[in-house]
């Protein structure tokens, strides 16, 4: 569900269709960009999905948390490789506290360090506790923040997910 619309995603067509709750048998046109006056934030109500996405259910949330539509294909491939699109995946074998959620964010980024006494992601305001990385919105936002840091420092935002 997005707002008052039920979203049907088609990975073969690469498009979203919306069904009106008042008339579930009729397709409604895609909504336009809306502005939320209380926060002056603009949210795009829909994204065009890349073809053959493996985790299309997270595409809209990814864009809402700052990911560019142009990055959705690569983000989708990494998300599928890391968690098979499941939000509660935890890998305790990863060093520095295991890895969490959709994008398998390493615990290092939410644990205290000499540079960030409460944790790096806590310092950015993305979360308070590592377990919040199991929430898809927090995980995708945190992944975007790590991507931006890596892009700025190393010229490659995808570096944290390269093996």
N, C-alpha and C. Protein backbone atom coordinates (compact mmCIF):
# COMPACT_ATOMS: atom_id res chain seq x y z
N UNK A 1 0.84 -1.18 0.00
CA UNK A 1 0.00 0.00 0.00
C UNK A 1 0.88 1.24 0.00
N UNK A 2 0.56 2.20 -0.82
CA UNK A 2 1.19 3.51 -0.81
C UNK A 2 0.05 4.50 -0.67
N UNK A 3 0.03 5.19 0.46
CA UNK A 3 -1.07 6.12 0.70
C UNK A 3 -2.38 5.36 0.69
N UNK A 4 -3.29 5.79 -0.18
CA UNK A 4 -4.59 5.15 -0.27
C UNK A 4 -4.70 4.25 -1.50
N UNK A 5 -3.55 3.93 -2.11
CA UNK A 5 -3.57 3.11 -3.31
C UNK A 5 -2.86 1.79 -3.06
N UNK A 6 -3.36 0.76 -3.63
CA UNK A 6 -2.70 -0.54 -3.63
C UNK A 6 -1.84 -0.59 -4.87
N UNK A 7 -0.57 -0.95 -4.72
CA UNK A 7 0.35 -0.96 -5.84
C UNK A 7 0.52 -2.37 -6.36
N UNK A 8 0.39 -2.52 -7.64
CA UNK A 8 0.70 -3.78 -8.30
C UNK A 8 1.94 -3.55 -9.12
N UNK A 9 3.00 -4.29 -8.86
CA UNK A 9 4.24 -4.10 -9.59
C UNK A 9 4.40 -5.21 -10.61
N UNK A 10 4.91 -4.85 -11.74
CA UNK A 10 5.17 -5.82 -12.79
C UNK A 10 6.62 -5.71 -13.19
N UNK A 11 7.42 -6.74 -12.90
CA UNK A 11 8.83 -6.68 -13.24
C UNK A 11 9.06 -6.93 -14.72
N UNK A 12 8.11 -7.54 -15.40
CA UNK A 12 8.31 -7.78 -16.83
C UNK A 12 7.97 -6.56 -17.66
N UNK A 13 7.04 -5.76 -17.21
CA UNK A 13 6.66 -4.57 -17.95
C UNK A 13 7.48 -3.38 -17.47
N UNK A 14 7.90 -3.39 -16.20
CA UNK A 14 8.67 -2.30 -15.64
C UNK A 14 7.82 -1.09 -15.31
N UNK A 15 6.60 -1.30 -14.87
CA UNK A 15 5.72 -0.18 -14.56
C UNK A 15 4.91 -0.49 -13.32
N UNK A 16 4.35 0.55 -12.74
CA UNK A 16 3.46 0.40 -11.60
C UNK A 16 2.04 0.73 -12.04
N UNK A 17 1.08 -0.01 -11.54
CA UNK A 17 -0.33 0.29 -11.77
C UNK A 17 -0.96 0.51 -10.41
N UNK A 18 -1.89 1.41 -10.35
CA UNK A 18 -2.56 1.71 -9.10
C UNK A 18 -4.02 1.33 -9.20
N UNK A 19 -4.53 0.75 -8.14
CA UNK A 19 -5.95 0.40 -8.09
C UNK A 19 -6.60 1.29 -7.06
N UNK A 20 -7.64 1.95 -7.45
CA UNK A 20 -8.35 2.83 -6.55
C UNK A 20 -9.09 1.99 -5.51
N UNK A 21 -9.03 2.38 -4.23
CA UNK A 21 -9.74 1.61 -3.21
C UNK A 21 -11.26 1.72 -3.35
N UNK A 22 -11.73 2.80 -3.98
CA UNK A 22 -13.17 2.97 -4.13
C UNK A 22 -13.71 2.10 -5.27
N UNK A 23 -12.88 1.88 -6.25
CA UNK A 23 -13.27 1.07 -7.39
C UNK A 23 -12.15 0.07 -7.68
N UNK A 24 -12.07 -1.01 -6.90
CA UNK A 24 -10.94 -1.93 -7.04
C UNK A 24 -10.84 -2.59 -8.41
N UNK A 25 -11.91 -2.53 -9.19
CA UNK A 25 -11.85 -3.15 -10.50
C UNK A 25 -11.39 -2.18 -11.59
N UNK A 26 -11.16 -0.93 -11.25
CA UNK A 26 -10.75 0.06 -12.24
C UNK A 26 -9.35 0.57 -11.91
N UNK A 27 -8.53 0.73 -12.93
CA UNK A 27 -7.19 1.24 -12.73
C UNK A 27 -7.22 2.76 -12.70
N UNK A 28 -6.49 3.30 -11.77
CA UNK A 28 -6.39 4.75 -11.65
C UNK A 28 -5.08 5.20 -12.28
N UNK A 29 -5.03 6.39 -12.82
CA UNK A 29 -3.76 6.87 -13.37
C UNK A 29 -2.74 7.06 -12.25
N UNK A 30 -1.46 6.96 -12.57
CA UNK A 30 -0.45 7.16 -11.53
C UNK A 30 -0.57 8.55 -10.93
N UNK A 31 -0.44 8.68 -9.62
CA UNK A 31 -0.51 9.99 -8.98
C UNK A 31 0.70 10.85 -9.35
N UNK A 32 0.56 12.13 -9.13
CA UNK A 32 1.64 13.05 -9.44
C UNK A 32 2.45 13.32 -8.17
N UNK A 33 3.51 14.09 -8.32
CA UNK A 33 4.31 14.48 -7.17
C UNK A 33 3.49 15.41 -6.29
N UNK A 34 3.54 15.18 -4.98
CA UNK A 34 2.78 16.01 -4.05
C UNK A 34 3.72 16.65 -3.06
N UNK A 35 3.32 17.77 -2.52
CA UNK A 35 4.11 18.46 -1.52
C UNK A 35 3.42 18.35 -0.18
N UNK A 36 4.20 18.04 0.84
CA UNK A 36 3.66 17.98 2.19
C UNK A 36 4.00 19.31 2.85
N UNK A 37 2.98 20.14 3.02
CA UNK A 37 3.21 21.52 3.44
C UNK A 37 3.82 21.64 4.84
N UNK A 38 3.56 20.68 5.71
CA UNK A 38 4.07 20.81 7.07
C UNK A 38 5.59 20.69 7.12
N UNK A 39 6.18 19.91 6.21
CA UNK A 39 7.63 19.71 6.25
C UNK A 39 8.33 20.31 5.06
N UNK A 40 7.56 20.85 4.10
CA UNK A 40 8.12 21.36 2.85
C UNK A 40 8.92 20.29 2.10
N UNK A 41 8.57 19.05 2.31
CA UNK A 41 9.23 17.94 1.64
C UNK A 41 8.37 17.48 0.48
N UNK A 42 9.01 17.19 -0.62
CA UNK A 42 8.28 16.70 -1.78
C UNK A 42 8.53 15.20 -1.90
N UNK A 43 7.45 14.43 -1.98
CA UNK A 43 7.54 12.99 -2.14
C UNK A 43 7.00 12.63 -3.51
N UNK A 44 7.69 11.78 -4.19
CA UNK A 44 7.20 11.30 -5.47
C UNK A 44 6.37 10.07 -5.17
N UNK A 45 5.11 10.07 -5.60
CA UNK A 45 4.20 8.98 -5.27
C UNK A 45 4.48 7.68 -5.99
N UNK A 46 5.22 7.70 -7.08
CA UNK A 46 5.46 6.46 -7.80
C UNK A 46 6.77 6.55 -8.55
N UNK A 47 7.36 5.40 -8.80
CA UNK A 47 8.58 5.32 -9.60
C UNK A 47 8.35 4.33 -10.71
N UNK A 48 9.05 4.52 -11.79
CA UNK A 48 9.02 3.54 -12.86
C UNK A 48 10.07 2.49 -12.54
N UNK A 49 9.64 1.26 -12.41
CA UNK A 49 10.54 0.19 -12.04
C UNK A 49 11.41 -0.24 -13.21
N UNK A 50 12.69 -0.48 -12.96
CA UNK A 50 13.51 -1.08 -14.01
C UNK A 50 12.97 -2.48 -14.33
N UNK A 51 13.23 -2.95 -15.52
CA UNK A 51 12.75 -4.27 -15.93
C UNK A 51 13.43 -5.35 -15.10
N UNK A 52 12.69 -6.40 -14.86
CA UNK A 52 13.19 -7.62 -14.20
C UNK A 52 13.75 -7.38 -12.80
N UNK A 53 13.15 -6.48 -12.05
CA UNK A 53 13.59 -6.27 -10.67
C UNK A 53 13.29 -7.52 -9.85
N UNK A 54 14.16 -7.82 -8.91
CA UNK A 54 13.99 -8.98 -8.04
C UNK A 54 13.36 -8.59 -6.71
N UNK A 55 13.47 -7.32 -6.34
CA UNK A 55 12.91 -6.81 -5.08
C UNK A 55 12.07 -5.56 -5.34
N UNK A 56 11.07 -5.63 -6.23
CA UNK A 56 10.33 -4.41 -6.60
C UNK A 56 9.56 -3.79 -5.43
N UNK A 57 9.26 -4.58 -4.42
CA UNK A 57 8.48 -4.07 -3.30
C UNK A 57 9.23 -2.99 -2.52
N UNK A 58 10.55 -2.87 -2.71
CA UNK A 58 11.33 -1.88 -1.96
C UNK A 58 11.73 -0.69 -2.82
N UNK A 59 11.37 -0.65 -4.07
CA UNK A 59 11.79 0.42 -4.98
C UNK A 59 11.27 1.79 -4.54
N UNK A 60 9.98 1.88 -4.25
CA UNK A 60 9.41 3.17 -3.85
C UNK A 60 10.04 3.67 -2.56
N UNK A 61 10.21 2.79 -1.61
CA UNK A 61 10.81 3.19 -0.33
C UNK A 61 12.26 3.63 -0.54
N UNK A 62 12.96 2.97 -1.44
CA UNK A 62 14.35 3.37 -1.72
C UNK A 62 14.40 4.80 -2.25
N UNK A 63 13.54 5.12 -3.18
CA UNK A 63 13.50 6.48 -3.72
C UNK A 63 13.08 7.47 -2.64
N UNK A 64 12.14 7.09 -1.81
CA UNK A 64 11.69 7.96 -0.72
C UNK A 64 12.80 8.23 0.30
N UNK A 65 13.78 7.33 0.40
CA UNK A 65 14.87 7.52 1.36
C UNK A 65 16.12 8.11 0.71
N UNK A 66 15.99 8.56 -0.54
CA UNK A 66 17.09 9.30 -1.16
C UNK A 66 17.79 8.62 -2.31
N UNK A 67 17.48 7.38 -2.60
CA UNK A 67 18.12 6.70 -3.72
C UNK A 67 17.59 7.29 -5.03
N UNK A 68 18.44 7.39 -6.02
CA UNK A 68 18.03 7.88 -7.33
C UNK A 68 17.40 6.73 -8.12
N UNK A 69 16.41 7.06 -8.92
CA UNK A 69 15.78 6.03 -9.76
C UNK A 69 16.82 5.37 -10.66
N UNK A 70 17.83 6.12 -11.09
CA UNK A 70 18.87 5.56 -11.95
C UNK A 70 19.68 4.47 -11.24
N UNK A 71 19.68 4.47 -9.91
CA UNK A 71 20.44 3.48 -9.15
C UNK A 71 19.62 2.25 -8.77
N UNK A 72 18.34 2.23 -9.10
CA UNK A 72 17.47 1.16 -8.63
C UNK A 72 17.88 -0.23 -9.14
N UNK A 73 18.34 -0.33 -10.37
CA UNK A 73 18.75 -1.65 -10.89
C UNK A 73 19.90 -2.23 -10.08
N UNK A 74 20.92 -1.42 -9.85
CA UNK A 74 22.08 -1.91 -9.10
C UNK A 74 21.71 -2.14 -7.63
N UNK A 75 20.95 -1.24 -7.06
CA UNK A 75 20.49 -1.40 -5.68
C UNK A 75 19.71 -2.71 -5.54
N UNK A 76 18.84 -2.97 -6.48
CA UNK A 76 18.03 -4.19 -6.48
C UNK A 76 18.91 -5.43 -6.54
N UNK A 77 19.90 -5.43 -7.40
CA UNK A 77 20.78 -6.60 -7.54
C UNK A 77 21.56 -6.84 -6.25
N UNK A 78 22.04 -5.77 -5.64
CA UNK A 78 22.78 -5.91 -4.38
C UNK A 78 21.86 -6.39 -3.27
N UNK A 79 20.68 -5.79 -3.19
CA UNK A 79 19.71 -6.18 -2.16
C UNK A 79 19.36 -7.67 -2.28
N UNK A 80 19.15 -8.13 -3.49
CA UNK A 80 18.81 -9.54 -3.70
C UNK A 80 20.00 -10.43 -3.31
N UNK A 81 21.20 -10.05 -3.70
CA UNK A 81 22.38 -10.84 -3.36
C UNK A 81 22.63 -10.87 -1.86
N UNK A 82 22.37 -9.76 -1.19
CA UNK A 82 22.65 -9.67 0.24
C UNK A 82 21.60 -10.33 1.12
N UNK A 83 20.31 -10.14 0.78
CA UNK A 83 19.25 -10.58 1.70
C UNK A 83 18.10 -11.32 1.05
N UNK A 84 18.15 -11.49 -0.26
CA UNK A 84 17.03 -12.07 -1.02
C UNK A 84 15.74 -11.30 -0.77
N UNK A 85 15.87 -10.00 -0.48
CA UNK A 85 14.75 -9.06 -0.31
C UNK A 85 14.06 -9.19 1.05
N UNK A 86 14.63 -9.96 1.96
CA UNK A 86 14.03 -10.14 3.28
C UNK A 86 14.61 -9.12 4.25
N UNK A 87 13.74 -8.57 5.09
CA UNK A 87 14.14 -7.48 5.99
C UNK A 87 14.84 -7.96 7.26
N UNK A 88 14.61 -9.20 7.67
CA UNK A 88 15.11 -9.65 8.98
C UNK A 88 16.35 -10.52 8.89
N UNK A 89 17.05 -10.47 7.78
CA UNK A 89 18.26 -11.27 7.62
C UNK A 89 19.37 -10.71 8.49
N UNK A 90 20.03 -11.59 9.23
CA UNK A 90 21.17 -11.20 10.05
C UNK A 90 22.29 -12.22 9.82
N UNK A 91 23.47 -11.71 9.56
CA UNK A 91 24.62 -12.58 9.38
C UNK A 91 25.59 -12.36 10.53
N UNK A 92 25.57 -13.24 11.54
CA UNK A 92 26.43 -13.04 12.70
C UNK A 92 27.91 -13.32 12.39
N UNK A 93 28.20 -13.93 11.25
CA UNK A 93 29.59 -14.27 10.91
C UNK A 93 30.37 -13.09 10.34
N UNK A 94 29.67 -12.05 9.91
CA UNK A 94 30.40 -10.87 9.43
C UNK A 94 31.13 -10.24 10.61
N UNK A 95 32.36 -9.77 10.38
CA UNK A 95 33.11 -9.16 11.49
C UNK A 95 32.47 -7.86 11.96
N UNK A 96 32.85 -7.42 13.12
CA UNK A 96 32.42 -6.14 13.70
C UNK A 96 30.94 -6.10 14.04
N UNK A 97 30.35 -7.19 14.46
CA UNK A 97 28.97 -7.16 14.94
C UNK A 97 27.93 -7.69 13.99
N UNK A 98 28.33 -8.38 12.95
CA UNK A 98 27.35 -8.96 12.02
C UNK A 98 26.80 -7.93 11.05
N UNK A 99 25.93 -8.40 10.15
CA UNK A 99 25.32 -7.52 9.17
C UNK A 99 23.81 -7.67 9.21
N UNK A 100 23.10 -6.57 8.97
CA UNK A 100 21.68 -6.46 9.24
C UNK A 100 20.84 -6.11 8.02
N UNK A 101 19.71 -6.76 7.88
CA UNK A 101 18.63 -6.32 7.01
C UNK A 101 18.84 -6.43 5.52
N UNK A 102 18.01 -5.69 4.79
CA UNK A 102 17.96 -5.74 3.34
C UNK A 102 19.32 -5.58 2.67
N UNK A 103 20.07 -4.58 3.08
CA UNK A 103 21.35 -4.27 2.44
C UNK A 103 22.54 -4.82 3.23
N UNK A 104 22.26 -5.63 4.26
CA UNK A 104 23.30 -6.24 5.08
C UNK A 104 24.34 -5.22 5.53
N UNK A 105 23.86 -4.22 6.25
CA UNK A 105 24.74 -3.17 6.77
C UNK A 105 25.49 -3.71 7.97
N UNK A 106 26.79 -3.56 7.94
CA UNK A 106 27.64 -4.11 8.98
C UNK A 106 27.44 -3.37 10.30
N UNK A 107 27.44 -4.13 11.38
CA UNK A 107 27.26 -3.58 12.71
C UNK A 107 28.29 -2.52 13.08
N UNK A 108 29.43 -2.52 12.42
CA UNK A 108 30.45 -1.51 12.68
C UNK A 108 29.86 -0.10 12.61
N UNK A 109 28.94 0.12 11.71
CA UNK A 109 28.41 1.46 11.49
C UNK A 109 27.38 1.89 12.53
N UNK A 110 26.96 0.99 13.39
CA UNK A 110 26.00 1.37 14.44
C UNK A 110 26.52 1.02 15.83
N UNK A 111 27.79 0.67 15.92
CA UNK A 111 28.41 0.38 17.22
C UNK A 111 29.36 1.52 17.58
N UNK A 112 29.57 1.74 18.87
CA UNK A 112 30.49 2.81 19.29
C UNK A 112 31.90 2.58 18.75
N UNK A 113 32.55 3.67 18.41
CA UNK A 113 33.95 3.63 17.99
C UNK A 113 34.65 4.84 18.59
N UNK A 114 35.97 4.92 18.40
CA UNK A 114 36.68 6.07 18.96
C UNK A 114 36.30 7.37 18.25
N UNK A 115 35.80 7.27 16.99
CA UNK A 115 35.40 8.46 16.25
C UNK A 115 33.94 8.84 16.50
N UNK A 116 33.13 7.84 16.77
CA UNK A 116 31.70 8.07 16.99
C UNK A 116 31.28 7.27 18.23
N UNK A 117 31.31 7.90 19.40
CA UNK A 117 31.05 7.18 20.65
C UNK A 117 29.70 6.46 20.71
N UNK A 118 28.71 6.95 19.96
CA UNK A 118 27.41 6.29 19.94
C UNK A 118 27.19 5.48 18.67
N UNK A 119 28.09 5.58 17.71
CA UNK A 119 27.96 4.90 16.44
C UNK A 119 27.83 5.90 15.31
N UNK A 120 28.34 5.54 14.13
CA UNK A 120 28.33 6.44 12.98
C UNK A 120 26.90 6.76 12.52
N UNK A 121 26.07 5.76 12.36
CA UNK A 121 24.70 6.00 11.90
C UNK A 121 23.88 6.75 12.95
N UNK A 122 24.20 6.55 14.22
CA UNK A 122 23.54 7.31 15.28
C UNK A 122 23.95 8.79 15.18
N UNK A 123 25.23 9.04 14.89
CA UNK A 123 25.71 10.42 14.76
C UNK A 123 25.01 11.13 13.61
N UNK A 124 24.63 10.40 12.58
CA UNK A 124 23.91 10.98 11.44
C UNK A 124 22.41 11.09 11.69
N UNK A 125 21.94 10.50 12.79
CA UNK A 125 20.52 10.56 13.12
C UNK A 125 19.67 9.54 12.39
N UNK A 126 20.29 8.53 11.80
CA UNK A 126 19.54 7.52 11.05
C UNK A 126 18.85 6.51 11.96
N UNK A 127 19.42 6.26 13.12
CA UNK A 127 18.86 5.26 14.03
C UNK A 127 19.41 5.47 15.43
N UNK A 128 18.86 4.73 16.38
CA UNK A 128 19.35 4.77 17.76
C UNK A 128 20.03 3.46 18.14
N UNK A 129 19.54 2.34 17.59
CA UNK A 129 20.07 1.01 17.93
C UNK A 129 20.26 0.19 16.65
N UNK A 130 21.23 -0.69 16.66
CA UNK A 130 21.51 -1.53 15.48
C UNK A 130 20.30 -2.33 15.03
N UNK A 131 19.46 -2.78 15.94
CA UNK A 131 18.29 -3.59 15.57
C UNK A 131 17.31 -2.82 14.68
N UNK A 132 17.40 -1.50 14.67
CA UNK A 132 16.53 -0.72 13.78
C UNK A 132 16.89 -0.93 12.32
N UNK A 133 18.05 -1.52 12.04
CA UNK A 133 18.43 -1.83 10.66
C UNK A 133 17.56 -2.93 10.07
N UNK A 134 16.75 -3.59 10.90
CA UNK A 134 15.79 -4.57 10.38
C UNK A 134 14.55 -3.88 9.81
N UNK A 135 14.37 -2.60 10.11
CA UNK A 135 13.27 -1.84 9.51
C UNK A 135 13.70 -1.42 8.11
N UNK A 136 12.94 -1.75 7.09
CA UNK A 136 13.39 -1.46 5.73
C UNK A 136 13.70 0.00 5.46
N UNK A 137 12.90 0.91 5.95
CA UNK A 137 13.16 2.34 5.71
C UNK A 137 14.48 2.77 6.35
N UNK A 138 14.73 2.34 7.56
CA UNK A 138 15.98 2.68 8.25
C UNK A 138 17.16 2.05 7.51
N UNK A 139 17.00 0.81 7.07
CA UNK A 139 18.07 0.12 6.37
C UNK A 139 18.41 0.82 5.05
N UNK A 140 17.39 1.16 4.28
CA UNK A 140 17.63 1.81 2.99
C UNK A 140 18.21 3.21 3.17
N UNK A 141 17.74 3.94 4.17
CA UNK A 141 18.30 5.26 4.46
C UNK A 141 19.76 5.13 4.89
N UNK A 142 20.04 4.19 5.77
CA UNK A 142 21.41 3.98 6.24
C UNK A 142 22.32 3.58 5.10
N UNK A 143 21.83 2.71 4.23
CA UNK A 143 22.62 2.30 3.06
C UNK A 143 22.91 3.50 2.17
N UNK A 144 21.93 4.37 2.00
CA UNK A 144 22.15 5.57 1.17
C UNK A 144 23.20 6.47 1.80
N UNK A 145 23.15 6.64 3.11
CA UNK A 145 24.14 7.46 3.80
C UNK A 145 25.54 6.88 3.64
N UNK A 146 25.66 5.56 3.74
CA UNK A 146 26.95 4.90 3.54
C UNK A 146 27.41 5.05 2.09
N UNK A 147 26.47 4.96 1.15
CA UNK A 147 26.80 5.14 -0.27
C UNK A 147 27.35 6.55 -0.51
N UNK A 148 26.67 7.55 0.05
CA UNK A 148 27.10 8.94 -0.13
C UNK A 148 28.49 9.18 0.46
N UNK A 149 28.75 8.62 1.63
CA UNK A 149 30.07 8.77 2.24
C UNK A 149 31.14 8.11 1.37
N UNK A 150 30.88 6.90 0.94
CA UNK A 150 31.84 6.17 0.12
C UNK A 150 32.09 6.88 -1.22
N UNK A 151 31.04 7.43 -1.79
CA UNK A 151 31.17 8.16 -3.05
C UNK A 151 32.04 9.41 -2.86
N UNK A 152 31.80 10.11 -1.76
CA UNK A 152 32.55 11.33 -1.48
C UNK A 152 34.03 11.03 -1.19
N UNK A 153 34.27 10.02 -0.38
CA UNK A 153 35.63 9.74 0.07
C UNK A 153 36.44 8.93 -0.94
N UNK A 154 35.80 8.01 -1.65
CA UNK A 154 36.53 7.07 -2.49
C UNK A 154 36.11 7.09 -3.96
N UNK A 155 35.11 7.91 -4.28
CA UNK A 155 34.67 8.00 -5.67
C UNK A 155 33.84 6.82 -6.13
N UNK A 156 33.44 5.94 -5.21
CA UNK A 156 32.64 4.77 -5.55
C UNK A 156 31.66 4.49 -4.41
N UNK A 157 30.40 4.88 -4.61
CA UNK A 157 29.40 4.68 -3.56
C UNK A 157 29.07 3.23 -3.30
N UNK A 158 29.33 2.37 -4.28
CA UNK A 158 28.99 0.95 -4.12
C UNK A 158 30.09 0.17 -3.41
N UNK A 159 31.18 0.80 -3.08
CA UNK A 159 32.32 0.13 -2.46
C UNK A 159 31.97 -0.71 -1.22
N UNK A 160 31.09 -0.23 -0.34
CA UNK A 160 30.76 -1.06 0.83
C UNK A 160 30.14 -2.42 0.48
N UNK A 161 29.64 -2.59 -0.73
CA UNK A 161 28.99 -3.85 -1.11
C UNK A 161 29.82 -4.66 -2.09
N UNK A 162 31.02 -4.21 -2.37
CA UNK A 162 31.89 -5.00 -3.26
C UNK A 162 32.63 -6.03 -2.43
N UNK A 163 32.77 -7.20 -3.00
CA UNK A 163 33.45 -8.29 -2.27
C UNK A 163 34.84 -8.49 -2.79
